Amino acid sequence: MSDPFAQRAQAVQRTLLEMEENAAENDLFALGYMIPQIGLVQEMADYDPADVVAEDFDATYWQWLESTFAQDGMSDADRAQIAALWQSAIDRTPQ
């Protein structure tokens, strides 16, 4: 059975890793923060692969990040940078 949630997670992770390889130094913190969160989201997500679409990963991941921002006391500037990089990653990752 296909798992679109996991497949999307892997695709986004590959994109973020590629972005990290070519990143400006000031983007490394944000990308380094985002990449390991993918595995945590996959571990914590409770879903039936038959009932999800790839975009469900995107929404779940962003909700997860927003909750970690509060826990980690993330600054507004860091949040904005992560949001911009996240949007770039989504735009670059094939569906």
PDB file of N, CA and C in Angstrom:
ATOM      1  N   MET A   1       0.839  -1.182   0.000  1.00  0.00           N
ATOM      2  CA  MET A   1       0.000   0.000   0.000  1.00  0.00           C
ATOM      3  C   MET A   1       0.886   1.248   0.000  1.00  0.00           C
ATOM      4  N   SER A   2       0.518   2.180  -0.804  1.00  0.00           N
ATOM      5  CA  SER A   2       1.234   3.449  -0.910  1.00  0.00           C
ATOM      6  C   SER A   2       0.933   4.320   0.311  1.00  0.00           C
ATOM      7  N   ASP A   3       1.927   5.073   0.728  1.00  0.00           N
ATOM      8  CA  ASP A   3       1.766   5.986   1.860  1.00  0.00           C
ATOM      9  C   ASP A   3       2.142   7.390   1.398  1.00  0.00           C
ATOM     10  N   PRO A   4       1.154   8.165   0.900  1.00  0.00           N
ATOM     11  CA  PRO A   4       1.454   9.490   0.361  1.00  0.00           C
ATOM     12  C   PRO A   4       2.047  10.443   1.395  1.00  0.00           C
ATOM     13  N   PHE A   5       1.683  10.292   2.656  1.00  0.00           N
ATOM     14  CA  PHE A   5       2.206  11.144   3.727  1.00  0.00           C
ATOM     15  C   PHE A   5       3.719  10.929   3.857  1.00  0.00           C
ATOM     16  N   ALA A   6       4.122   9.665   3.953  1.00  0.00           N
ATOM     17  CA  ALA A   6       5.547   9.330   4.094  1.00  0.00           C
ATOM     18  C   ALA A   6       6.328   9.673   2.836  1.00  0.00           C
ATOM     19  N   GLN A   7       5.734   9.448   1.681  1.00  0.00           N
ATOM     20  CA  GLN A   7       6.412   9.772   0.429  1.00  0.00           C
ATOM     21  C   GLN A   7       6.655  11.274   0.326  1.00  0.00           C
ATOM     22  N   ARG A   8       5.671  12.052   0.710  1.00  0.00           N
ATOM     23  CA  ARG A   8       5.823  13.511   0.681  1.00  0.00           C
ATOM     24  C   ARG A   8       6.886  13.950   1.687  1.00  0.00           C
ATOM     25  N   ALA A   9       6.878  13.344   2.869  1.00  0.00           N
ATOM     26  CA  ALA A   9       7.888  13.677   3.878  1.00  0.00           C
ATOM     27  C   ALA A   9       9.290  13.438   3.329  1.00  0.00           C
ATOM     28  N   GLN A  10       9.493  12.318   2.673  1.00  0.00           N
ATOM     29  CA  GLN A  10      10.802  11.997   2.108  1.00  0.00           C
ATOM     30  C   GLN A  10      11.185  12.975   1.000  1.00  0.00           C
ATOM     31  N   ALA A  11      10.228  13.319   0.165  1.00  0.00           N
ATOM     32  CA  ALA A  11      10.499  14.258  -0.931  1.00  0.00           C
ATOM     33  C   ALA A  11      10.862  15.633  -0.387  1.00  0.00           C
ATOM     34  N   VAL A  12      10.133  16.100   0.616  1.00  0.00           N
ATOM     35  CA  VAL A  12      10.416  17.405   1.217  1.00  0.00           C
ATOM     36  C   VAL A  12      11.777  17.365   1.913  1.00  0.00           C
ATOM     37  N   GLN A  13      12.074  16.277   2.574  1.00  0.00           N
ATOM     38  CA  GLN A  13      13.368  16.165   3.237  1.00  0.00           C
ATOM     39  C   GLN A  13      14.512  16.236   2.220  1.00  0.00           C
ATOM     40  N   ARG A  14      14.360  15.554   1.101  1.00  0.00           N
ATOM     41  CA  ARG A  14      15.385  15.640   0.053  1.00  0.00           C
ATOM     42  C   ARG A  14      15.550  17.087  -0.425  1.00  0.00           C
ATOM     43  N   THR A  15      14.439  17.776  -0.612  1.00  0.00           N
ATOM     44  CA  THR A  15      14.500  19.174  -1.046  1.00  0.00           C
ATOM     45  C   THR A  15      15.223  20.032  -0.018  1.00  0.00           C
ATOM     46  N   LEU A  16      14.879  19.872   1.245  1.00  0.00           N
ATOM     47  CA  LEU A  16      15.530  20.666   2.291  1.00  0.00           C
ATOM     48  C   LEU A  16      17.023  20.360   2.375  1.00  0.00           C
ATOM     49  N   LEU A  17      17.393  19.103   2.205  1.00  0.00           N
ATOM     50  CA  LEU A  17      18.813  18.746   2.220  1.00  0.00           C
ATOM     51  C   LEU A  17      19.552  19.373   1.045  1.00  0.00           C
ATOM     52  N   GLU A  18      18.913  19.395  -0.114  1.00  0.00           N
ATOM     53  CA  GLU A  18      19.509  20.057  -1.282  1.00  0.00           C
ATOM     54  C   GLU A  18      19.643  21.558  -1.030  1.00  0.00           C
ATOM     55  N   MET A  19      18.618  22.140  -0.437  1.00  0.00           N
ATOM     56  CA  MET A  19      18.674  23.563  -0.119  1.00  0.00           C
ATOM     57  C   MET A  19      19.818  23.840   0.856  1.00  0.00           C
ATOM     58  N   GLU A  20      20.003  22.957   1.820  1.00  0.00           N
ATOM     59  CA  GLU A  20      21.060  23.131   2.814  1.00  0.00           C
ATOM     60  C   GLU A  20      22.441  23.081   2.153  1.00  0.00           C
ATOM     61  N   GLU A  21      22.614  22.205   1.187  1.00  0.00           N
ATOM     62  CA  GLU A  21      23.904  22.088   0.504  1.00  0.00           C
ATOM     63  C   GLU A  21      24.303  23.388  -0.189  1.00  0.00           C
ATOM     64  N   ASN A  22      23.315  24.130  -0.655  1.00  0.00           N
ATOM     65  CA  ASN A  22      23.583  25.351  -1.416  1.00  0.00           C
ATOM     66  C   ASN A  22      23.192  26.618  -0.664  1.00  0.00           C
ATOM     67  N   ALA A  23      22.961  26.509   0.615  1.00  0.00           N
ATOM     68  CA  ALA A  23      22.410  27.620   1.397  1.00  0.00           C
ATOM     69  C   ALA A  23      23.444  28.687   1.713  1.00  0.00           C
ATOM     70  N   ALA A  24      22.932  29.889   1.813  1.00  0.00           N
ATOM     71  CA  ALA A  24      23.728  30.983   2.366  1.00  0.00           C
ATOM     72  C   ALA A  24      23.932  30.697   3.850  1.00  0.00           C
ATOM     73  N   GLU A  25      25.007  31.180   4.391  1.00  0.00           N
ATOM     74  CA  GLU A  25      25.330  30.889   5.791  1.00  0.00           C
ATOM     75  C   GLU A  25      24.203  31.292   6.750  1.00  0.00           C
ATOM     76  N   ASN A  26      23.524  32.397   6.434  1.00  0.00           N
ATOM     77  CA  ASN A  26      22.460  32.861   7.337  1.00  0.00           C
ATOM     78  C   ASN A  26      21.200  31.999   7.260  1.00  0.00           C
ATOM     79  N   ASP A  27      21.116  31.063   6.317  1.00  0.00           N
ATOM     80  CA  ASP A  27      19.964  30.144   6.244  1.00  0.00           C
ATOM     81  C   ASP A  27      20.248  28.797   6.905  1.00  0.00           C
ATOM     82  N   LEU A  28      21.487  28.543   7.278  1.00  0.00           N
ATOM     83  CA  LEU A  28      21.842  27.221   7.804  1.00  0.00           C
ATOM     84  C   LEU A  28      21.141  26.885   9.119  1.00  0.00           C
ATOM     85  N   PHE A  29      21.002  27.860  10.008  1.00  0.00           N
ATOM     86  CA  PHE A  29      20.305  27.583  11.276  1.00  0.00           C
ATOM     87  C   PHE A  29      18.871  27.137  11.006  1.00  0.00           C
ATOM     88  N   ALA A  30      18.173  27.901  10.184  1.00  0.00           N
ATOM     89  CA  ALA A  30      16.764  27.593   9.917  1.00  0.00           C
ATOM     90  C   ALA A  30      16.609  26.223   9.256  1.00  0.00           C
ATOM     91  N   LEU A  31      17.436  25.946   8.274  1.00  0.00           N
ATOM     92  CA  LEU A  31      17.351  24.646   7.603  1.00  0.00           C
ATOM     93  C   LEU A  31      17.740  23.522   8.560  1.00  0.00           C
ATOM     94  N   GLY A  32      18.743  23.765   9.370  1.00  0.00           N
ATOM     95  CA  GLY A  32      19.142  22.777  10.365  1.00  0.00           C
ATOM     96  C   GLY A  32      18.074  22.533  11.412  1.00  0.00           C
ATOM     97  N   TYR A  33      17.260  23.506  11.646  1.00  0.00           N
ATOM     98  CA  TYR A  33      16.124  23.355  12.566  1.00  0.00           C
ATOM     99  C   TYR A  33      15.007  22.546  11.910  1.00  0.00           C
ATOM    100  N   MET A  34      14.764  22.811  10.648  1.00  0.00           N
ATOM    101  CA  MET A  34      13.627  22.208   9.944  1.00  0.00           C
ATOM    102  C   MET A  34      13.843  20.732   9.601  1.00  0.00           C
ATOM    103  N   ILE A  35      15.018  20.379   9.155  1.00  0.00           N
ATOM    104  CA  ILE A  35      15.256  19.038   8.616  1.00  0.00           C
ATOM    105  C   ILE A  35      14.968  17.932   9.639  1.00  0.00           C
ATOM    106  N   PRO A  36      15.493  18.004  10.850  1.00  0.00           N
ATOM    107  CA  PRO A  36      15.226  16.904  11.786  1.00  0.00           C
ATOM    108  C   PRO A  36      13.764  16.830  12.247  1.00  0.00           C
ATOM    109  N   GLN A  37      13.030  17.908  12.073  1.00  0.00           N
ATOM    110  CA  GLN A  37      11.622  17.896  12.481  1.00  0.00           C
ATOM    111  C   GLN A  37      10.801  16.936  11.609  1.00  0.00           C
ATOM    112  N   ILE A  38      11.252  16.682  10.394  1.00  0.00           N
ATOM    113  CA  ILE A  38      10.505  15.801   9.493  1.00  0.00           C
ATOM    114  C   ILE A  38      10.353  14.412  10.095  1.00  0.00           C
ATOM    115  N   GLY A  39      11.443  13.863  10.584  1.00  0.00           N
ATOM    116  CA  GLY A  39      11.380  12.544  11.207  1.00  0.00           C
ATOM    117  C   GLY A  39      10.483  12.524  12.430  1.00  0.00           C
ATOM    118  N   LEU A  40      10.525  13.593  13.215  1.00  0.00           N
ATOM    119  CA  LEU A  40       9.672  13.669  14.404  1.00  0.00           C
ATOM    120  C   LEU A  40       8.198  13.715  14.023  1.00  0.00           C
ATOM    121  N   VAL A  41       7.886  14.471  12.983  1.00  0.00           N
ATOM    122  CA  VAL A  41       6.496  14.543  12.520  1.00  0.00           C
ATOM    123  C   VAL A  41       6.033  13.164  12.069  1.00  0.00           C
ATOM    124  N   GLN A  42       6.877  12.471  11.331  1.00  0.00           N
ATOM    125  CA  GLN A  42       6.497  11.139  10.858  1.00  0.00           C
ATOM    126  C   GLN A  42       6.274  10.188  12.026  1.00  0.00           C
ATOM    127  N   GLU A  43       7.107  10.270  13.043  1.00  0.00           N
ATOM    128  CA  GLU A  43       6.958   9.404  14.211  1.00  0.00           C
ATOM    129  C   GLU A  43       5.672   9.705  14.980  1.00  0.00           C
ATOM    130  N   MET A  44       5.331  10.973  15.089  1.00  0.00           N
ATOM    131  CA  MET A  44       4.201  11.375  15.927  1.00  0.00           C
ATOM    132  C   MET A  44       2.865  11.369  15.190  1.00  0.00           C
ATOM    133  N   ALA A  45       2.886  11.409  13.884  1.00  0.00           N
ATOM    134  CA  ALA A  45       1.633  11.477  13.125  1.00  0.00           C
ATOM    135  C   ALA A  45       0.863  10.163  13.253  1.00  0.00           C
ATOM    136  N   ASP A  46      -0.398  10.294  13.521  1.00  0.00           N
ATOM    137  CA  ASP A  46      -1.283   9.137  13.632  1.00  0.00           C
ATOM    138  C   ASP A  46      -2.288   9.233  12.492  1.00  0.00           C
ATOM    139  N   TYR A  47      -2.130   8.371  11.498  1.00  0.00           N
ATOM    140  CA  TYR A  47      -2.989   8.440  10.322  1.00  0.00           C
ATOM    141  C   TYR A  47      -3.051   7.078   9.652  1.00  0.00           C
ATOM    142  N   ASP A  48      -4.037   6.935   8.810  1.00  0.00           N
ATOM    143  CA  ASP A  48      -4.187   5.741   7.982  1.00  0.00           C
ATOM    144  C   ASP A  48      -3.727   6.117   6.580  1.00  0.00           C
ATOM    145  N   PRO A  49      -2.709   5.428   6.036  1.00  0.00           N
ATOM    146  CA  PRO A  49      -2.211   5.779   4.707  1.00  0.00           C
ATOM    147  C   PRO A  49      -3.298   5.823   3.631  1.00  0.00           C
ATOM    148  N   ALA A  50      -4.370   5.088   3.826  1.00  0.00           N
ATOM    149  CA  ALA A  50      -5.459   5.084   2.848  1.00  0.00           C
ATOM    150  C   ALA A  50      -6.297   6.357   2.919  1.00  0.00           C
ATOM    151  N   ASP A  51      -6.152   7.102   4.022  1.00  0.00           N
ATOM    152  CA  ASP A  51      -6.999   8.282   4.236  1.00  0.00           C
ATOM    153  C   ASP A  51      -6.258   9.614   4.129  1.00  0.00           C
ATOM    154  N   VAL A  52      -5.051   9.613   3.593  1.00  0.00           N
ATOM    155  CA  VAL A  52      -4.292  10.855   3.493  1.00  0.00           C
ATOM    156  C   VAL A  52      -3.862  11.120   2.056  1.00  0.00           C
ATOM    157  N   VAL A  53      -3.554  12.383   1.816  1.00  0.00           N
ATOM    158  CA  VAL A  53      -2.954  12.801   0.552  1.00  0.00           C
ATOM    159  C   VAL A  53      -1.614  13.448   0.902  1.00  0.00           C
ATOM    160  N   ALA A  54      -0.782  13.633  -0.089  1.00  0.00           N
ATOM    161  CA  ALA A  54       0.559  14.179   0.142  1.00  0.00           C
ATOM    162  C   ALA A  54       0.517  15.514   0.868  1.00  0.00           C
ATOM    163  N   GLU A  55      -0.437  16.352   0.526  1.00  0.00           N
ATOM    164  CA  GLU A  55      -0.516  17.691   1.127  1.00  0.00           C
ATOM    165  C   GLU A  55      -0.813  17.640   2.628  1.00  0.00           C
ATOM    166  N   ASP A  56      -1.332  16.522   3.118  1.00  0.00           N
ATOM    167  CA  ASP A  56      -1.569  16.397   4.551  1.00  0.00           C
ATOM    168  C   ASP A  56      -0.252  16.475   5.319  1.00  0.00           C
ATOM    169  N   PHE A  57       0.823  15.979   4.714  1.00  0.00           N
ATOM    170  CA  PHE A  57       2.120  16.111   5.380  1.00  0.00           C
ATOM    171  C   PHE A  57       2.473  17.584   5.543  1.00  0.00           C
ATOM    172  N   ASP A  58       2.297  18.364   4.489  1.00  0.00           N
ATOM    173  CA  ASP A  58       2.649  19.783   4.538  1.00  0.00           C
ATOM    174  C   ASP A  58       1.934  20.480   5.685  1.00  0.00           C
ATOM    175  N   ALA A  59       0.645  20.247   5.801  1.00  0.00           N
ATOM    176  CA  ALA A  59      -0.145  20.892   6.854  1.00  0.00           C
ATOM    177  C   ALA A  59       0.280  20.400   8.238  1.00  0.00           C
ATOM    178  N   THR A  60       0.487  19.105   8.377  1.00  0.00           N
ATOM    179  CA  THR A  60       0.890  18.535   9.664  1.00  0.00           C
ATOM    180  C   THR A  60       2.260  19.050  10.074  1.00  0.00           C
ATOM    181  N   TYR A  61       3.170  19.102   9.112  1.00  0.00           N
ATOM    182  CA  TYR A  61       4.524  19.579   9.395  1.00  0.00           C
ATOM    183  C   TYR A  61       4.494  21.035   9.863  1.00  0.00           C
ATOM    184  N   TRP A  62       3.742  21.868   9.151  1.00  0.00           N
ATOM    185  CA  TRP A  62       3.708  23.280   9.542  1.00  0.00           C
ATOM    186  C   TRP A  62       3.071  23.452  10.912  1.00  0.00           C
ATOM    187  N   GLN A  63       2.015  22.720  11.215  1.00  0.00           N
ATOM    188  CA  GLN A  63       1.409  22.793  12.549  1.00  0.00           C
ATOM    189  C   GLN A  63       2.423  22.371  13.613  1.00  0.00           C
ATOM    190  N   TRP A  64       3.170  21.327  13.310  1.00  0.00           N
ATOM    191  CA  TRP A  64       4.200  20.858  14.233  1.00  0.00           C
ATOM    192  C   TRP A  64       5.233  21.969  14.473  1.00  0.00           C
ATOM    193  N   LEU A  65       5.709  22.597  13.389  1.00  0.00           N
ATOM    194  CA  LEU A  65       6.705  23.654  13.538  1.00  0.00           C
ATOM    195  C   LEU A  65       6.168  24.798  14.387  1.00  0.00           C
ATOM    196  N   GLU A  66       4.937  25.177  14.146  1.00  0.00           N
ATOM    197  CA  GLU A  66       4.366  26.282  14.924  1.00  0.00           C
ATOM    198  C   GLU A  66       4.343  25.951  16.414  1.00  0.00           C
ATOM    199  N   SER A  67       4.059  24.695  16.749  1.00  0.00           N
ATOM    200  CA  SER A  67       4.056  24.323  18.169  1.00  0.00           C
ATOM    201  C   SER A  67       5.477  24.295  18.734  1.00  0.00           C
ATOM    202  N   THR A  68       6.452  23.888  17.920  1.00  0.00           N
ATOM    203  CA  THR A  68       7.836  23.876  18.416  1.00  0.00           C
ATOM    204  C   THR A  68       8.395  25.290  18.545  1.00  0.00           C
ATOM    205  N   PHE A  69       7.929  26.211  17.710  1.00  0.00           N
ATOM    206  CA  PHE A  69       8.373  27.601  17.835  1.00  0.00           C
ATOM    207  C   PHE A  69       8.082  28.112  19.241  1.00  0.00           C
ATOM    208  N   ALA A  70       6.881  27.858  19.714  1.00  0.00           N
ATOM    209  CA  ALA A  70       6.486  28.328  21.040  1.00  0.00           C
ATOM    210  C   ALA A  70       7.328  27.639  22.120  1.00  0.00           C
ATOM    211  N   GLN A  71       7.500  26.338  21.995  1.00  0.00           N
ATOM    212  CA  GLN A  71       8.273  25.590  22.993  1.00  0.00           C
ATOM    213  C   GLN A  71       9.731  26.040  23.028  1.00  0.00           C
ATOM    214  N   ASP A  72      10.283  26.347  21.865  1.00  0.00           N
ATOM    215  CA  ASP A  72      11.695  26.715  21.775  1.00  0.00           C
ATOM    216  C   ASP A  72      11.939  28.209  21.927  1.00  0.00           C
ATOM    217  N   GLY A  73      10.881  28.997  22.102  1.00  0.00           N
ATOM    218  CA  GLY A  73      11.029  30.437  22.247  1.00  0.00           C
ATOM    219  C   GLY A  73      11.643  31.081  21.010  1.00  0.00           C
ATOM    220  N   MET A  74      11.219  30.612  19.853  1.00  0.00           N
ATOM    221  CA  MET A  74      11.765  31.081  18.572  1.00  0.00           C
ATOM    222  C   MET A  74      11.410  32.552  18.342  1.00  0.00           C
ATOM    223  N   SER A  75      12.374  33.317  17.909  1.00  0.00           N
ATOM    224  CA  SER A  75      12.145  34.742  17.652  1.00  0.00           C
ATOM    225  C   SER A  75      11.258  34.921  16.419  1.00  0.00           C
ATOM    226  N   ASP A  76      10.650  36.089  16.316  1.00  0.00           N
ATOM    227  CA  ASP A  76       9.815  36.394  15.150  1.00  0.00           C
ATOM    228  C   ASP A  76      10.638  36.362  13.865  1.00  0.00           C
ATOM    229  N   ALA A  77      11.864  36.840  13.929  1.00  0.00           N
ATOM    230  CA  ALA A  77      12.723  36.845  12.737  1.00  0.00           C
ATOM    231  C   ALA A  77      13.038  35.423  12.292  1.00  0.00           C
ATOM    232  N   ASP A  78      13.344  34.543  13.249  1.00  0.00           N
ATOM    233  CA  ASP A  78      13.619  33.145  12.900  1.00  0.00           C
ATOM    234  C   ASP A  78      12.364  32.466  12.351  1.00  0.00           C
ATOM    235  N   ARG A  79      11.226  32.756  12.948  1.00  0.00           N
ATOM    236  CA  ARG A  79       9.965  32.190  12.451  1.00  0.00           C
ATOM    237  C   ARG A  79       9.712  32.616  11.010  1.00  0.00           C
ATOM    238  N   ALA A  80       9.924  33.889  10.730  1.00  0.00           N
ATOM    239  CA  ALA A  80       9.689  34.402   9.380  1.00  0.00           C
ATOM    240  C   ALA A  80      10.658  33.767   8.388  1.00  0.00           C
ATOM    241  N   GLN A  81      11.899  33.609   8.782  1.00  0.00           N
ATOM    242  CA  GLN A  81      12.883  32.987   7.902  1.00  0.00           C
ATOM    243  C   GLN A  81      12.513  31.529   7.629  1.00  0.00           C
ATOM    244  N   ILE A  82      12.114  30.808   8.650  1.00  0.00           N
ATOM    245  CA  ILE A  82      11.707  29.411   8.479  1.00  0.00           C
ATOM    246  C   ILE A  82      10.473  29.329   7.595  1.00  0.00           C
ATOM    247  N   ALA A  83       9.523  30.218   7.796  1.00  0.00           N
ATOM    248  CA  ALA A  83       8.313  30.217   6.958  1.00  0.00           C
ATOM    249  C   ALA A  83       8.668  30.439   5.493  1.00  0.00           C
ATOM    250  N   ALA A  84       9.584  31.361   5.232  1.00  0.00           N
ATOM    251  CA  ALA A  84       9.987  31.632   3.845  1.00  0.00           C
ATOM    252  C   ALA A  84      10.710  30.432   3.246  1.00  0.00           C
ATOM    253  N   LEU A  85      11.592  29.818   4.009  1.00  0.00           N
ATOM    254  CA  LEU A  85      12.301  28.636   3.514  1.00  0.00           C
ATOM    255  C   LEU A  85      11.346  27.467   3.316  1.00  0.00           C
ATOM    256  N   TRP A  86      10.370  27.326   4.199  1.00  0.00           N
ATOM    257  CA  TRP A  86       9.375  26.268   4.066  1.00  0.00           C
ATOM    258  C   TRP A  86       8.584  26.446   2.773  1.00  0.00           C
ATOM    259  N   GLN A  87       8.166  27.672   2.509  1.00  0.00           N
ATOM    260  CA  GLN A  87       7.414  27.935   1.282  1.00  0.00           C
ATOM    261  C   GLN A  87       8.274  27.627   0.060  1.00  0.00           C
ATOM    262  N   SER A  88       9.525  27.987   0.116  1.00  0.00           N
ATOM    263  CA  SER A  88      10.440  27.688  -0.977  1.00  0.00           C
ATOM    264  C   SER A  88      10.583  26.180  -1.172  1.00  0.00           C
ATOM    265  N   ALA A  89      10.689  25.443  -0.079  1.00  0.00           N
ATOM    266  CA  ALA A  89      10.812  23.982  -0.153  1.00  0.00           C
ATOM    267  C   ALA A  89       9.560  23.361  -0.764  1.00  0.00           C
ATOM    268  N   ILE A  90       8.398  23.828  -0.342  1.00  0.00           N
ATOM    269  CA  ILE A  90       7.133  23.312  -0.889  1.00  0.00           C
ATOM    270  C   ILE A  90       7.066  23.582  -2.401  1.00  0.00           C
ATOM    271  N   ASP A  91       7.458  24.797  -2.776  1.00  0.00           N
ATOM    272  CA  ASP A  91       7.411  25.167  -4.192  1.00  0.00           C
ATOM    273  C   ASP A  91       8.376  24.332  -5.028  1.00  0.00           C
ATOM    274  N   ARG A  92       9.498  23.949  -4.453  1.00  0.00           N
ATOM    275  CA  ARG A  92      10.512  23.189  -5.188  1.00  0.00           C
ATOM    276  C   ARG A  92      10.266  21.682  -5.219  1.00  0.00           C
ATOM    277  N   THR A  93       9.468  21.188  -4.289  1.00  0.00           N
ATOM    278  CA  THR A  93       9.253  19.739  -4.168  1.00  0.00           C
ATOM    279  C   THR A  93       8.136  19.297  -5.115  1.00  0.00           C
ATOM    280  N   PRO A  94       8.450  18.365  -6.003  1.00  0.00           N
ATOM    281  CA  PRO A  94       7.394  17.866  -6.911  1.00  0.00           C
ATOM    282  C   PRO A  94       6.272  17.200  -6.116  1.00  0.00           C
ATOM    283  N   GLN A  95       5.077  17.331  -6.632  1.00  0.00           N
ATOM    284  CA  GLN A  95       3.911  16.713  -5.970  1.00  0.00           C
ATOM    285  C   GLN A  95       3.857  15.243  -6.169  1.00  0.00           C
TER     286      GLN A  95
END
